[in-house]
Amino acid sequence: MAIHNDFGKMAEDMAAEWLIKQGYKIIHRNWRYSRLEVDIIANKDQMLHFVEVKARTGKNFGWPEEAVDSQKIQNLIDAAGEYSERHPEWKRIQLDILSIEIGRGGAKFSFFEDVYL
């Protein structure tokens, strides 16, 4: 496995652990539909959350959340729509970004809720 894949998996593991500590229940990780993938699908308070995870070890490429462009958000919307059709019991959904800055002092998590285009 390539180094960037190892880093991405580690970041998603950290994100899942952080979400669980915040009271979320993880339903799926790396849920796929066609060419689309959602990093984490979780629920809390009867809301279904589609979470895009982005992590960085430095600021050379900007803040992690800046890597989520309009195309990525559209992909989340499309995937959430397909998931909702397959699971109509979920009436409330939300798209979120979990940004992780990983440094020598540990990890800093920033959670951006209810993102849209």
N, C-alpha and C. Protein backbone atom coordinates (compact mmCIF):
# COMPACT_ATOMS: atom_id res chain seq x y z
N MET A 1 0.85 -1.18 0.00
CA MET A 1 0.00 0.00 0.00
C MET A 1 0.90 1.24 0.00
N ALA A 2 0.54 2.24 -0.80
CA ALA A 2 1.32 3.47 -0.90
C ALA A 2 1.24 4.26 0.41
N ILE A 3 2.26 5.09 0.63
CA ILE A 3 2.34 5.87 1.87
C ILE A 3 1.11 6.76 2.03
N HIS A 4 0.66 7.41 0.94
CA HIS A 4 -0.51 8.29 1.06
C HIS A 4 -1.77 7.49 1.42
N ASN A 5 -1.85 6.23 0.98
CA ASN A 5 -2.99 5.39 1.36
C ASN A 5 -2.92 5.04 2.84
N ASP A 6 -1.72 4.75 3.34
CA ASP A 6 -1.54 4.47 4.77
C ASP A 6 -1.93 5.68 5.60
N PHE A 7 -1.50 6.87 5.16
CA PHE A 7 -1.83 8.10 5.88
C PHE A 7 -3.33 8.34 5.87
N GLY A 8 -3.97 8.14 4.72
CA GLY A 8 -5.42 8.31 4.62
C GLY A 8 -6.18 7.36 5.53
N LYS A 9 -5.75 6.13 5.58
CA LYS A 9 -6.40 5.14 6.46
C LYS A 9 -6.22 5.54 7.92
N MET A 10 -4.99 5.97 8.28
CA MET A 10 -4.75 6.40 9.65
C MET A 10 -5.65 7.60 10.00
N ALA A 11 -5.77 8.55 9.09
CA ALA A 11 -6.61 9.72 9.33
C ALA A 11 -8.07 9.32 9.49
N GLU A 12 -8.55 8.40 8.67
CA GLU A 12 -9.94 7.95 8.79
C GLU A 12 -10.15 7.18 10.10
N ASP A 13 -9.15 6.43 10.54
CA ASP A 13 -9.25 5.75 11.84
C ASP A 13 -9.35 6.78 12.97
N MET A 14 -8.51 7.82 12.89
CA MET A 14 -8.55 8.88 13.89
C MET A 14 -9.90 9.60 13.88
N ALA A 15 -10.42 9.85 12.68
CA ALA A 15 -11.70 10.53 12.53
C ALA A 15 -12.83 9.70 13.14
N ALA A 16 -12.84 8.40 12.84
CA ALA A 16 -13.89 7.53 13.40
C ALA A 16 -13.83 7.52 14.92
N GLU A 17 -12.63 7.42 15.46
CA GLU A 17 -12.47 7.43 16.92
C GLU A 17 -12.96 8.75 17.50
N TRP A 18 -12.62 9.86 16.87
CA TRP A 18 -13.04 11.18 17.35
C TRP A 18 -14.57 11.29 17.31
N LEU A 19 -15.17 10.85 16.20
CA LEU A 19 -16.63 10.92 16.09
C LEU A 19 -17.32 10.08 17.17
N ILE A 20 -16.80 8.90 17.42
CA ILE A 20 -17.37 8.04 18.46
C ILE A 20 -17.30 8.74 19.82
N LYS A 21 -16.18 9.39 20.10
CA LYS A 21 -16.04 10.12 21.37
C LYS A 21 -17.01 11.28 21.47
N GLN A 22 -17.45 11.80 20.32
CA GLN A 22 -18.41 12.90 20.30
C GLN A 22 -19.85 12.40 20.34
N GLY A 23 -20.03 11.10 20.41
CA GLY A 23 -21.37 10.54 20.52
C GLY A 23 -21.98 10.02 19.23
N TYR A 24 -21.21 9.95 18.17
CA TYR A 24 -21.70 9.43 16.90
C TYR A 24 -21.57 7.92 16.87
N LYS A 25 -22.47 7.28 16.13
CA LYS A 25 -22.39 5.85 15.88
C LYS A 25 -21.99 5.67 14.43
N ILE A 26 -20.89 4.98 14.20
CA ILE A 26 -20.41 4.76 12.84
C ILE A 26 -21.27 3.67 12.20
N ILE A 27 -21.83 3.97 11.04
CA ILE A 27 -22.66 3.01 10.31
C ILE A 27 -21.84 2.36 9.19
N HIS A 28 -21.10 3.18 8.45
CA HIS A 28 -20.27 2.67 7.35
C HIS A 28 -18.97 3.46 7.30
N ARG A 29 -17.95 2.79 6.82
CA ARG A 29 -16.70 3.46 6.47
C ARG A 29 -16.39 3.10 5.03
N ASN A 30 -15.98 4.09 4.27
CA ASN A 30 -15.64 3.92 2.86
C ASN A 30 -16.79 3.29 2.07
N TRP A 31 -17.99 3.82 2.28
CA TRP A 31 -19.16 3.34 1.56
C TRP A 31 -19.05 3.77 0.11
N ARG A 32 -19.26 2.83 -0.80
CA ARG A 32 -19.10 3.09 -2.22
C ARG A 32 -20.41 2.95 -2.98
N TYR A 33 -20.56 3.84 -3.94
CA TYR A 33 -21.63 3.75 -4.91
C TYR A 33 -21.02 4.18 -6.24
N SER A 34 -21.00 3.27 -7.19
CA SER A 34 -20.41 3.54 -8.50
C SER A 34 -18.98 4.04 -8.31
N ARG A 35 -18.67 5.22 -8.80
CA ARG A 35 -17.32 5.78 -8.65
C ARG A 35 -17.19 6.67 -7.42
N LEU A 36 -18.25 6.79 -6.65
CA LEU A 36 -18.27 7.68 -5.49
C LEU A 36 -17.95 6.91 -4.22
N GLU A 37 -17.36 7.61 -3.26
CA GLU A 37 -17.07 7.00 -1.96
C GLU A 37 -17.29 8.04 -0.87
N VAL A 38 -17.90 7.59 0.22
CA VAL A 38 -18.07 8.43 1.41
C VAL A 38 -17.16 7.86 2.48
N ASP A 39 -16.32 8.72 3.06
CA ASP A 39 -15.36 8.24 4.06
C ASP A 39 -16.06 7.61 5.26
N ILE A 40 -17.01 8.35 5.84
CA ILE A 40 -17.71 7.85 7.03
C ILE A 40 -19.19 8.25 6.94
N ILE A 41 -20.05 7.29 7.21
CA ILE A 41 -21.47 7.57 7.40
C ILE A 41 -21.76 7.23 8.86
N ALA A 42 -22.29 8.21 9.57
CA ALA A 42 -22.53 8.03 11.01
C ALA A 42 -23.87 8.66 11.37
N ASN A 43 -24.38 8.29 12.54
CA ASN A 43 -25.60 8.95 12.98
C ASN A 43 -25.45 9.44 14.42
N LYS A 44 -26.20 10.49 14.67
CA LYS A 44 -26.28 11.08 16.01
C LYS A 44 -27.59 11.86 16.07
N ASP A 45 -28.32 11.65 17.12
CA ASP A 45 -29.58 12.37 17.33
C ASP A 45 -30.52 12.26 16.13
N GLN A 46 -30.64 11.08 15.58
CA GLN A 46 -31.53 10.77 14.46
C GLN A 46 -31.19 11.53 13.18
N MET A 47 -29.94 12.01 13.09
CA MET A 47 -29.44 12.68 11.89
C MET A 47 -28.37 11.78 11.28
N LEU A 48 -28.45 11.57 9.98
CA LEU A 48 -27.46 10.77 9.28
C LEU A 48 -26.40 11.73 8.72
N HIS A 49 -25.15 11.49 9.06
CA HIS A 49 -24.05 12.37 8.66
C HIS A 49 -23.16 11.67 7.63
N PHE A 50 -22.93 12.36 6.52
CA PHE A 50 -22.00 11.91 5.50
C PHE A 50 -20.74 12.75 5.69
N VAL A 51 -19.67 12.11 6.16
CA VAL A 51 -18.49 12.84 6.59
C VAL A 51 -17.32 12.62 5.64
N GLU A 52 -16.80 13.71 5.12
CA GLU A 52 -15.58 13.70 4.33
C GLU A 52 -14.42 14.02 5.27
N VAL A 53 -13.42 13.16 5.29
CA VAL A 53 -12.27 13.34 6.17
C VAL A 53 -11.09 13.85 5.35
N LYS A 54 -10.46 14.92 5.83
CA LYS A 54 -9.25 15.45 5.21
C LYS A 54 -8.22 15.71 6.30
N ALA A 55 -6.98 15.31 6.03
CA ALA A 55 -5.91 15.49 7.02
C ALA A 55 -4.65 16.00 6.34
N ARG A 56 -3.87 16.75 7.09
CA ARG A 56 -2.59 17.27 6.62
C ARG A 56 -1.59 17.25 7.79
N THR A 57 -0.33 17.15 7.43
CA THR A 57 0.73 17.22 8.44
C THR A 57 1.41 18.58 8.45
N GLY A 58 1.08 19.42 7.53
CA GLY A 58 1.67 20.76 7.46
C GLY A 58 0.78 21.68 6.65
N LYS A 59 1.20 22.92 6.54
CA LYS A 59 0.40 23.93 5.83
C LYS A 59 0.88 24.15 4.39
N ASN A 60 1.82 23.32 3.91
CA ASN A 60 2.35 23.49 2.56
C ASN A 60 1.25 23.45 1.49
N PHE A 61 0.21 22.67 1.73
CA PHE A 61 -0.86 22.54 0.76
C PHE A 61 -2.16 23.17 1.27
N GLY A 62 -2.06 24.02 2.27
CA GLY A 62 -3.24 24.70 2.81
C GLY A 62 -3.90 23.89 3.93
N TRP A 63 -5.00 24.42 4.41
CA TRP A 63 -5.77 23.75 5.45
C TRP A 63 -6.40 22.50 4.87
N PRO A 64 -6.56 21.45 5.66
CA PRO A 64 -7.14 20.21 5.12
C PRO A 64 -8.51 20.42 4.47
N GLU A 65 -9.35 21.20 5.11
CA GLU A 65 -10.72 21.39 4.60
C GLU A 65 -10.74 22.12 3.25
N GLU A 66 -9.66 22.84 2.93
CA GLU A 66 -9.61 23.53 1.65
C GLU A 66 -9.50 22.55 0.47
N ALA A 67 -9.14 21.32 0.76
CA ALA A 67 -9.05 20.29 -0.29
C ALA A 67 -10.42 19.76 -0.71
N VAL A 68 -11.46 20.14 0.00
CA VAL A 68 -12.81 19.71 -0.37
C VAL A 68 -13.40 20.79 -1.28
N ASP A 69 -13.32 20.53 -2.58
CA ASP A 69 -13.79 21.49 -3.56
C ASP A 69 -15.27 21.24 -3.90
N SER A 70 -15.79 22.04 -4.81
CA SER A 70 -17.21 21.93 -5.16
C SER A 70 -17.53 20.58 -5.80
N GLN A 71 -16.59 20.00 -6.53
CA GLN A 71 -16.82 18.68 -7.12
C GLN A 71 -16.94 17.61 -6.04
N LYS A 72 -16.09 17.70 -5.03
CA LYS A 72 -16.15 16.72 -3.93
C LYS A 72 -17.47 16.85 -3.18
N ILE A 73 -17.92 18.08 -2.98
CA ILE A 73 -19.22 18.28 -2.30
C ILE A 73 -20.35 17.72 -3.17
N GLN A 74 -20.27 17.94 -4.48
CA GLN A 74 -21.29 17.39 -5.38
C GLN A 74 -21.28 15.87 -5.32
N ASN A 75 -20.09 15.28 -5.25
CA ASN A 75 -20.00 13.82 -5.12
C ASN A 75 -20.65 13.35 -3.82
N LEU A 76 -20.45 14.08 -2.74
CA LEU A 76 -21.09 13.74 -1.46
C LEU A 76 -22.60 13.82 -1.58
N ILE A 77 -23.07 14.88 -2.24
CA ILE A 77 -24.51 15.05 -2.44
C ILE A 77 -25.08 13.88 -3.24
N ASP A 78 -24.38 13.51 -4.32
CA ASP A 78 -24.84 12.41 -5.15
C ASP A 78 -24.86 11.09 -4.38
N ALA A 79 -23.79 10.83 -3.62
CA ALA A 79 -23.72 9.60 -2.84
C ALA A 79 -24.79 9.59 -1.75
N ALA A 80 -25.00 10.73 -1.10
CA ALA A 80 -26.03 10.82 -0.05
C ALA A 80 -27.41 10.58 -0.65
N GLY A 81 -27.64 11.09 -1.85
CA GLY A 81 -28.92 10.87 -2.51
C GLY A 81 -29.16 9.40 -2.80
N GLU A 82 -28.14 8.72 -3.29
CA GLU A 82 -28.26 7.28 -3.57
C GLU A 82 -28.48 6.50 -2.27
N TYR A 83 -27.71 6.85 -1.23
CA TYR A 83 -27.86 6.15 0.05
C TYR A 83 -29.28 6.36 0.59
N SER A 84 -29.78 7.58 0.47
CA SER A 84 -31.13 7.89 0.96
C SER A 84 -32.20 7.10 0.22
N GLU A 85 -32.00 6.88 -1.09
CA GLU A 85 -32.96 6.08 -1.84
C GLU A 85 -32.95 4.63 -1.37
N ARG A 86 -31.77 4.13 -1.03
CA ARG A 86 -31.66 2.75 -0.55
C ARG A 86 -32.10 2.59 0.90
N HIS A 87 -32.05 3.68 1.66
CA HIS A 87 -32.39 3.65 3.09
C HIS A 87 -33.35 4.80 3.41
N PRO A 88 -34.58 4.71 2.95
CA PRO A 88 -35.53 5.82 3.13
C PRO A 88 -35.94 6.06 4.58
N GLU A 89 -35.53 5.18 5.48
CA GLU A 89 -35.87 5.39 6.89
C GLU A 89 -35.16 6.62 7.47
N TRP A 90 -34.10 7.06 6.81
CA TRP A 90 -33.39 8.26 7.28
C TRP A 90 -34.03 9.50 6.66
N LYS A 91 -34.66 10.29 7.49
CA LYS A 91 -35.37 11.47 7.01
C LYS A 91 -34.50 12.72 7.06
N ARG A 92 -33.50 12.71 7.93
CA ARG A 92 -32.64 13.88 8.09
C ARG A 92 -31.20 13.49 7.77
N ILE A 93 -30.61 14.20 6.82
CA ILE A 93 -29.22 13.93 6.48
C ILE A 93 -28.43 15.25 6.49
N GLN A 94 -27.13 15.09 6.62
CA GLN A 94 -26.28 16.26 6.68
C GLN A 94 -24.91 15.90 6.11
N LEU A 95 -24.28 16.83 5.40
CA LEU A 95 -22.94 16.65 4.87
C LEU A 95 -21.96 17.42 5.74
N ASP A 96 -20.90 16.76 6.16
CA ASP A 96 -19.93 17.37 7.07
C ASP A 96 -18.51 17.12 6.58
N ILE A 97 -17.59 17.96 7.04
CA ILE A 97 -16.17 17.77 6.79
C ILE A 97 -15.47 17.69 8.14
N LEU A 98 -14.65 16.66 8.32
CA LEU A 98 -13.83 16.55 9.52
C LEU A 98 -12.38 16.75 9.08
N SER A 99 -11.82 17.87 9.51
CA SER A 99 -10.47 18.26 9.15
C SER A 99 -9.53 17.92 10.32
N ILE A 100 -8.39 17.31 9.97
CA ILE A 100 -7.42 16.92 11.01
C ILE A 100 -6.06 17.48 10.64
N GLU A 101 -5.52 18.29 11.55
CA GLU A 101 -4.15 18.79 11.42
C GLU A 101 -3.29 17.96 12.35
N ILE A 102 -2.36 17.22 11.77
CA ILE A 102 -1.52 16.32 12.56
C ILE A 102 -0.13 16.92 12.66
N GLY A 103 0.31 17.16 13.89
CA GLY A 103 1.62 17.75 14.12
C GLY A 103 2.35 17.08 15.26
N ARG A 104 3.48 17.62 15.61
CA ARG A 104 4.28 17.05 16.70
C ARG A 104 3.54 17.06 18.02
N GLY A 105 2.69 18.05 18.22
CA GLY A 105 1.96 18.16 19.47
C GLY A 105 0.69 17.34 19.50
N GLY A 106 0.43 16.57 18.46
CA GLY A 106 -0.78 15.75 18.40
C GLY A 106 -1.66 16.16 17.23
N ALA A 107 -2.93 15.91 17.37
CA ALA A 107 -3.88 16.18 16.28
C ALA A 107 -4.91 17.21 16.73
N LYS A 108 -5.24 18.10 15.81
CA LYS A 108 -6.29 19.08 16.06
C LYS A 108 -7.44 18.78 15.09
N PHE A 109 -8.63 18.60 15.64
CA PHE A 109 -9.81 18.26 14.85
C PHE A 109 -10.69 19.49 14.70
N SER A 110 -11.16 19.74 13.49
CA SER A 110 -12.13 20.80 13.21
C SER A 110 -13.28 20.15 12.46
N PHE A 111 -14.49 20.35 12.96
CA PHE A 111 -15.66 19.72 12.38
C PHE A 111 -16.55 20.78 11.77
N PHE A 112 -16.72 20.70 10.45
CA PHE A 112 -17.56 21.64 9.71
C PHE A 112 -18.86 20.95 9.36
N GLU A 113 -19.93 21.38 10.00
CA GLU A 113 -21.21 20.72 9.84
C GLU A 113 -22.07 21.40 8.78
N ASP A 114 -22.88 20.56 8.11
CA ASP A 114 -23.90 21.03 7.19
C ASP A 114 -23.31 21.89 6.07
N VAL A 115 -22.32 21.33 5.38
CA VAL A 115 -21.69 22.04 4.26
C VAL A 115 -22.54 21.86 3.00
N TYR A 116 -22.44 22.78 2.09
CA TYR A 116 -23.18 22.73 0.84
C TYR A 116 -22.46 23.58 -0.18
N LEU A 117 -22.92 23.51 -1.41
CA LEU A 117 -22.31 24.29 -2.50
C LEU A 117 -22.64 25.75 -2.40
